[in-house]
C-alpha atoms as a PDB file:
ATOM      1  CA  MET A   1      51.124   1.205 -18.702  1.00  0.00           C
ATOM      2  CA  ILE A   2      51.189  -2.603 -18.906  1.00  0.00           C
ATOM      3  CA  GLU A   3      54.262  -4.191 -20.413  1.00  0.00           C
ATOM      4  CA  GLU A   4      53.889  -7.269 -22.617  1.00  0.00           C
ATOM      5  CA  PRO A   5      55.625 -10.401 -21.351  1.00  0.00           C
ATOM      6  CA  PRO A   6      58.651 -11.518 -23.358  1.00  0.00           C
ATOM      7  CA  VAL A   7      57.930 -14.016 -26.105  1.00  0.00           C
ATOM      8  CA  VAL A   8      59.237 -17.447 -25.140  1.00  0.00           C
ATOM      9  CA  GLY A   9      60.894 -19.271 -27.996  1.00  0.00           C
ATOM     10  CA  GLY A  10      60.686 -16.271 -30.278  1.00  0.00           C
ATOM     11  CA  PRO A  11      63.273 -15.294 -32.877  1.00  0.00           C
ATOM     12  CA  ARG A  12      66.756 -14.806 -31.525  1.00  0.00           C
ATOM     13  CA  PRO A  13      68.624 -11.569 -32.230  1.00  0.00           C
ATOM     14  CA  GLU A  14      71.928 -13.392 -32.979  1.00  0.00           C
ATOM     15  CA  GLY A  15      70.659 -14.653 -36.304  1.00  0.00           C
ATOM     16  CA  PRO A  16      69.213 -17.849 -37.694  1.00  0.00           C
ATOM     17  CA  GLU A  17      69.549 -20.918 -35.509  1.00  0.00           C
ATOM     18  CA  THR A  18      71.570 -23.881 -36.635  1.00  0.00           C
ATOM     19  CA  ASP A  19      70.105 -27.278 -37.424  1.00  0.00           C
ATOM     20  CA  ALA A  20      71.760 -28.682 -34.301  1.00  0.00           C
ATOM     21  CA  GLU A  21      70.028 -26.076 -32.097  1.00  0.00           C
ATOM     22  CA  ARG A  22      66.683 -26.767 -33.717  1.00  0.00           C
ATOM     23  CA  ARG A  23      67.092 -30.542 -33.281  1.00  0.00           C
ATOM     24  CA  ARG A  24      68.139 -30.057 -29.652  1.00  0.00           C
ATOM     25  CA  ARG A  25      65.084 -27.917 -28.910  1.00  0.00           C
ATOM     26  CA  ARG A  26      62.813 -30.391 -30.707  1.00  0.00           C
ATOM     27  CA  ALA A  27      64.275 -33.332 -28.767  1.00  0.00           C
ATOM     28  CA  GLN A  28      63.739 -31.465 -25.491  1.00  0.00           C
ATOM     29  CA  PHE A  29      60.155 -30.668 -26.466  1.00  0.00           C
ATOM     30  CA  LEU A  30      59.430 -34.285 -27.382  1.00  0.00           C
ATOM     31  CA  ARG A  31      60.949 -35.517 -24.104  1.00  0.00           C
ATOM     32  CA  GLU A  32      58.739 -33.139 -22.117  1.00  0.00           C
ATOM     33  CA  LEU A  33      55.682 -34.090 -24.172  1.00  0.00           C
ATOM     34  CA  TYR A  34      56.290 -37.806 -23.565  1.00  0.00           C
ATOM     35  CA  GLU A  35      56.783 -37.150 -19.850  1.00  0.00           C
ATOM     36  CA  ALA A  36      53.541 -35.161 -19.660  1.00  0.00           C
ATOM     37  CA  LYS A  37      51.610 -37.909 -21.449  1.00  0.00           C
ATOM     38  CA  ALA A  38      53.043 -40.545 -19.106  1.00  0.00           C
ATOM     39  CA  LEU A  39      52.056 -38.452 -16.083  1.00  0.00           C
ATOM     40  CA  ARG A  40      48.533 -37.980 -17.419  1.00  0.00           C
ATOM     41  CA  ASP A  41      48.236 -41.740 -18.017  1.00  0.00           C
ATOM     42  CA  ARG A  42      49.241 -42.438 -14.412  1.00  0.00           C
ATOM     43  CA  VAL A  43      46.897 -39.816 -12.985  1.00  0.00           C
ATOM     44  CA  GLN A  44      43.848 -40.666 -15.128  1.00  0.00           C
ATOM     45  CA  PRO A  45      44.174 -44.339 -16.141  1.00  0.00           C
ATOM     46  CA  ARG A  46      40.554 -44.771 -17.284  1.00  0.00           C
ATOM     47  CA  ARG A  47      40.621 -41.697 -19.508  1.00  0.00           C
ATOM     48  CA  ALA A  48      44.026 -42.692 -20.890  1.00  0.00           C
ATOM     49  CA  ARG A  49      42.775 -46.199 -21.719  1.00  0.00           C
ATOM     50  CA  ALA A  50      39.705 -44.768 -23.463  1.00  0.00           C
ATOM     51  CA  ALA A  51      41.935 -42.416 -25.476  1.00  0.00           C
ATOM     52  CA  ARG A  52      44.151 -45.347 -26.522  1.00  0.00           C
ATOM     53  CA  MET A  53      41.092 -47.316 -27.620  1.00  0.00           C
ATOM     54  CA  ARG A  54      39.793 -44.378 -29.673  1.00  0.00           C
ATOM     55  CA  GLN A  55      43.197 -43.968 -31.315  1.00  0.00           C
ATOM     56  CA  GLN A  56      43.333 -47.682 -32.166  1.00  0.00           C
ATOM     57  CA  MET A  57      39.860 -47.489 -33.679  1.00  0.00           C
ATOM     58  CA  ARG A  58      40.882 -44.477 -35.782  1.00  0.00           C
ATOM     59  CA  MET A  59      43.924 -46.353 -37.034  1.00  0.00           C
ATOM     60  CA  ARG A  60      41.871 -49.461 -37.878  1.00  0.00           C
ATOM     61  CA  THR A  61      39.273 -47.522 -39.840  1.00  0.00           C
ATOM     62  CA  PHE A  62      41.725 -45.232 -41.666  1.00  0.00           C
ATOM     63  CA  ARG A  63      41.538 -45.450 -45.475  1.00  0.00           C
ATOM     64  CA  TRP A  64      44.492 -44.639 -47.725  1.00  0.00           C
END
């Protein structure tokens, strides 16, 4: 019988998390996301530049 892997980041048995815990986890996530984006930009500079240009074009043509 195959066991399911544990759920990462799932609900904790101790009870609801505090705002401080949630903010700490969110800050950690955002740090890792920024680091991953920076690494991707260094590894694939042409693709990263094209993505930046597309994002700028989306922002310029956005209508409120």
